[in-house]
Amino acid sequence: MKIYHKKNFIIGLLGELLLIALLMFRIRGGGSVSFPQVCTLLMWLIVCGRIIFRSLSQKHAREDLALERDERNLHIRLKVCRLGLQITQALCFIGGIALYYFGSDNYDCFLLGAGLFIALAIFCLA
């Protein structure tokens, strides 16, 4: 199986590894899993699986690369998403710090803070 879009493949793989790590910590912690947590995990699994699928398909990878290289799309994306990305990164960083601080008493807050820091790293890579 050939990987046609390596950057998307790595992002999808990191997302899947994060999902597996969160499941392992949840199972190891002995806590019960609620319906919203299951829905969130399934959504995460679908999104990361779709990213990996698109990176393994030559046709979809070619479409993604063409969209990334289109100068009009780059200019629009830079103008529209710059402020949104900066706000998201700031919220991930502040939320991660706050949840790490409160995580000393609550293990779930600690894991959520770690997840926000990993999301911040993925946003910086994308």
C-alpha atoms as a PDB file:
ATOM      1  CA  MET A   1       0.000   0.000   0.000  1.00  0.00           C
ATOM      2  CA  LYS A   2       1.490   3.319  -1.081  1.00  0.00           C
ATOM      3  CA  ILE A   3       1.187   6.575   0.851  1.00  0.00           C
ATOM      4  CA  TYR A   4       0.508   9.406  -1.578  1.00  0.00           C
ATOM      5  CA  HIS A   5       0.086  12.311   0.865  1.00  0.00           C
ATOM      6  CA  LYS A   6       2.542  11.830   3.728  1.00  0.00           C
ATOM      7  CA  LYS A   7       1.593  14.925   5.749  1.00  0.00           C
ATOM      8  CA  ASN A   8      -2.084  13.960   5.947  1.00  0.00           C
ATOM      9  CA  PHE A   9      -1.146  10.365   6.701  1.00  0.00           C
ATOM     10  CA  ILE A  10       1.006  11.432   9.657  1.00  0.00           C
ATOM     11  CA  ILE A  11      -1.734  13.727  10.988  1.00  0.00           C
ATOM     12  CA  GLY A  12      -4.317  10.944  10.701  1.00  0.00           C
ATOM     13  CA  LEU A  13      -1.974   8.426  12.296  1.00  0.00           C
ATOM     14  CA  LEU A  14      -1.230  10.768  15.215  1.00  0.00           C
ATOM     15  CA  GLY A  15      -4.961  11.219  15.706  1.00  0.00           C
ATOM     16  CA  GLU A  16      -5.523   7.457  15.750  1.00  0.00           C
ATOM     17  CA  LEU A  17      -2.659   6.966  18.205  1.00  0.00           C
ATOM     18  CA  LEU A  18      -4.143   9.657  20.441  1.00  0.00           C
ATOM     19  CA  LEU A  19      -7.491   7.857  20.320  1.00  0.00           C
ATOM     20  CA  ILE A  20      -5.867   4.562  21.304  1.00  0.00           C
ATOM     21  CA  ALA A  21      -3.937   6.243  24.127  1.00  0.00           C
ATOM     22  CA  LEU A  22      -7.088   7.876  25.489  1.00  0.00           C
ATOM     23  CA  LEU A  23      -8.928   4.559  25.372  1.00  0.00           C
ATOM     24  CA  MET A  24      -6.057   2.806  27.148  1.00  0.00           C
ATOM     25  CA  PHE A  25      -5.977   5.446  29.892  1.00  0.00           C
ATOM     26  CA  ARG A  26      -9.756   5.280  30.231  1.00  0.00           C
ATOM     27  CA  ILE A  27      -9.778   1.485  30.508  1.00  0.00           C
ATOM     28  CA  ARG A  28      -6.791   1.495  32.836  1.00  0.00           C
ATOM     29  CA  GLY A  29      -8.423   4.126  35.070  1.00  0.00           C
ATOM     30  CA  GLY A  30     -11.407   1.825  35.570  1.00  0.00           C
ATOM     31  CA  GLY A  31     -13.944   4.582  34.879  1.00  0.00           C
ATOM     32  CA  SER A  32     -17.215   4.009  33.092  1.00  0.00           C
ATOM     33  CA  VAL A  33     -17.659   5.350  29.583  1.00  0.00           C
ATOM     34  CA  SER A  34     -20.674   7.587  28.996  1.00  0.00           C
ATOM     35  CA  PHE A  35     -22.657   8.035  25.786  1.00  0.00           C
ATOM     36  CA  PRO A  36     -21.137  11.460  24.881  1.00  0.00           C
ATOM     37  CA  GLN A  37     -17.644  10.007  25.326  1.00  0.00           C
ATOM     38  CA  VAL A  38     -18.465   7.112  23.001  1.00  0.00           C
ATOM     39  CA  CYS A  39     -19.890   9.537  20.402  1.00  0.00           C
ATOM     40  CA  THR A  40     -16.787  11.728  20.646  1.00  0.00           C
ATOM     41  CA  LEU A  41     -14.457   8.750  20.258  1.00  0.00           C
ATOM     42  CA  LEU A  42     -16.399   7.460  17.244  1.00  0.00           C
ATOM     43  CA  MET A  43     -16.343  10.903  15.629  1.00  0.00           C
ATOM     44  CA  TRP A  44     -12.574  11.149  16.232  1.00  0.00           C
ATOM     45  CA  LEU A  45     -12.122   7.661  14.745  1.00  0.00           C
ATOM     46  CA  ILE A  46     -14.142   8.567  11.629  1.00  0.00           C
ATOM     47  CA  VAL A  47     -12.327  11.869  11.031  1.00  0.00           C
ATOM     48  CA  CYS A  48      -8.842  10.380  11.428  1.00  0.00           C
ATOM     49  CA  GLY A  49      -9.795   7.326   9.359  1.00  0.00           C
ATOM     50  CA  ARG A  50     -11.026   9.584   6.573  1.00  0.00           C
ATOM     51  CA  ILE A  51      -7.761  11.537   6.627  1.00  0.00           C
ATOM     52  CA  ILE A  52      -5.768   8.305   6.381  1.00  0.00           C
ATOM     53  CA  PHE A  53      -8.036   6.988   3.595  1.00  0.00           C
ATOM     54  CA  ARG A  54      -7.586  10.182   1.556  1.00  0.00           C
ATOM     55  CA  SER A  55      -3.808   9.986   1.972  1.00  0.00           C
ATOM     56  CA  LEU A  56      -3.728   6.389   0.690  1.00  0.00           C
ATOM     57  CA  SER A  57      -5.912   7.040  -2.369  1.00  0.00           C
ATOM     58  CA  GLN A  58      -3.997   8.428  -5.325  1.00  0.00           C
ATOM     59  CA  LYS A  59      -7.030  10.276  -6.702  1.00  0.00           C
ATOM     60  CA  HIS A  60      -7.932  11.950  -3.401  1.00  0.00           C
ATOM     61  CA  ALA A  61      -4.309  12.750  -2.576  1.00  0.00           C
ATOM     62  CA  ARG A  62      -3.942  14.433  -5.961  1.00  0.00           C
ATOM     63  CA  GLU A  63      -7.080  16.502  -5.264  1.00  0.00           C
ATOM     64  CA  ASP A  64      -5.771  17.484  -1.819  1.00  0.00           C
ATOM     65  CA  LEU A  65      -2.377  18.487  -3.188  1.00  0.00           C
ATOM     66  CA  ALA A  66      -3.990  20.522  -5.977  1.00  0.00           C
ATOM     67  CA  LEU A  67      -6.163  22.341  -3.440  1.00  0.00           C
ATOM     68  CA  GLU A  68      -3.156  23.004  -1.211  1.00  0.00           C
ATOM     69  CA  ARG A  69      -1.135  24.439  -4.101  1.00  0.00           C
ATOM     70  CA  ASP A  70      -3.888  26.643  -5.541  1.00  0.00           C
ATOM     71  CA  GLU A  71      -2.790  30.214  -4.824  1.00  0.00           C
ATOM     72  CA  ARG A  72      -6.316  31.590  -4.620  1.00  0.00           C
ATOM     73  CA  ASN A  73      -7.257  29.030  -1.985  1.00  0.00           C
ATOM     74  CA  LEU A  74      -4.058  29.745  -0.073  1.00  0.00           C
ATOM     75  CA  HIS A  75      -4.730  33.465  -0.039  1.00  0.00           C
ATOM     76  CA  ILE A  76      -8.347  33.021   1.066  1.00  0.00           C
ATOM     77  CA  ARG A  77      -7.369  30.475   3.708  1.00  0.00           C
ATOM     78  CA  LEU A  78      -4.681  32.776   5.081  1.00  0.00           C
ATOM     79  CA  LYS A  79      -7.030  35.730   5.349  1.00  0.00           C
ATOM     80  CA  VAL A  80      -9.993  33.837   6.807  1.00  0.00           C
ATOM     81  CA  CYS A  81      -8.331  31.278   9.037  1.00  0.00           C
ATOM     82  CA  ARG A  82      -5.439  33.246  10.489  1.00  0.00           C
ATOM     83  CA  LEU A  83      -7.412  34.837  13.295  1.00  0.00           C
ATOM     84  CA  GLY A  84      -9.500  31.708  13.909  1.00  0.00           C
ATOM     85  CA  LEU A  85      -6.383  29.565  14.144  1.00  0.00           C
ATOM     86  CA  GLN A  86      -4.699  31.987  16.532  1.00  0.00           C
ATOM     87  CA  ILE A  87      -7.787  32.021  18.774  1.00  0.00           C
ATOM     88  CA  THR A  88      -7.982  28.223  18.703  1.00  0.00           C
ATOM     89  CA  GLN A  89      -4.307  27.870  19.553  1.00  0.00           C
ATOM     90  CA  ALA A  90      -4.618  30.340  22.423  1.00  0.00           C
ATOM     91  CA  LEU A  91      -7.697  28.555  23.801  1.00  0.00           C
ATOM     92  CA  CYS A  92      -5.957  25.164  23.553  1.00  0.00           C
ATOM     93  CA  PHE A  93      -2.919  26.519  25.373  1.00  0.00           C
ATOM     94  CA  ILE A  94      -4.928  28.275  28.112  1.00  0.00           C
ATOM     95  CA  GLY A  95      -7.273  25.302  28.486  1.00  0.00           C
ATOM     96  CA  GLY A  96      -4.351  22.900  28.645  1.00  0.00           C
ATOM     97  CA  ILE A  97      -2.625  24.915  31.356  1.00  0.00           C
ATOM     98  CA  ALA A  98      -5.837  25.252  33.379  1.00  0.00           C
ATOM     99  CA  LEU A  99      -6.665  21.566  33.112  1.00  0.00           C
ATOM    100  CA  TYR A 100      -3.113  20.555  34.000  1.00  0.00           C
ATOM    101  CA  TYR A 101      -3.383  22.754  37.073  1.00  0.00           C
ATOM    102  CA  PHE A 102      -6.704  21.214  38.104  1.00  0.00           C
ATOM    103  CA  GLY A 103      -5.559  17.769  36.987  1.00  0.00           C
ATOM    104  CA  SER A 104      -3.634  17.126  40.179  1.00  0.00           C
ATOM    105  CA  ASP A 105      -6.934  16.245  41.861  1.00  0.00           C
ATOM    106  CA  ASN A 106      -8.912  14.924  38.908  1.00  0.00           C
ATOM    107  CA  TYR A 107      -7.376  12.453  36.457  1.00  0.00           C
ATOM    108  CA  ASP A 108      -9.955  13.244  33.742  1.00  0.00           C
ATOM    109  CA  CYS A 109      -8.972  16.927  33.767  1.00  0.00           C
ATOM    110  CA  PHE A 110      -5.327  15.920  33.464  1.00  0.00           C
ATOM    111  CA  LEU A 111      -6.070  13.776  30.394  1.00  0.00           C
ATOM    112  CA  LEU A 112      -8.211  16.483  28.824  1.00  0.00           C
ATOM    113  CA  GLY A 113      -5.390  18.984  29.330  1.00  0.00           C
ATOM    114  CA  ALA A 114      -2.941  16.582  27.712  1.00  0.00           C
ATOM    115  CA  GLY A 115      -5.374  16.159  24.817  1.00  0.00           C
ATOM    116  CA  LEU A 116      -5.593  19.924  24.372  1.00  0.00           C
ATOM    117  CA  PHE A 117      -1.805  20.210  24.270  1.00  0.00           C
ATOM    118  CA  ILE A 118      -1.660  17.445  21.633  1.00  0.00           C
ATOM    119  CA  ALA A 119      -4.425  19.205  19.659  1.00  0.00           C
ATOM    120  CA  LEU A 120      -2.346  22.387  19.835  1.00  0.00           C
ATOM    121  CA  ALA A 121       0.635  20.479  18.422  1.00  0.00           C
ATOM    122  CA  ILE A 122      -1.502  19.077  15.589  1.00  0.00           C
ATOM    123  CA  PHE A 123      -2.867  22.568  14.813  1.00  0.00           C
ATOM    124  CA  CYS A 124       0.696  23.865  14.610  1.00  0.00           C
ATOM    125  CA  LEU A 125       1.668  21.029  12.222  1.00  0.00           C
ATOM    126  CA  ALA A 126      -1.316  21.532   9.907  1.00  0.00           C
END
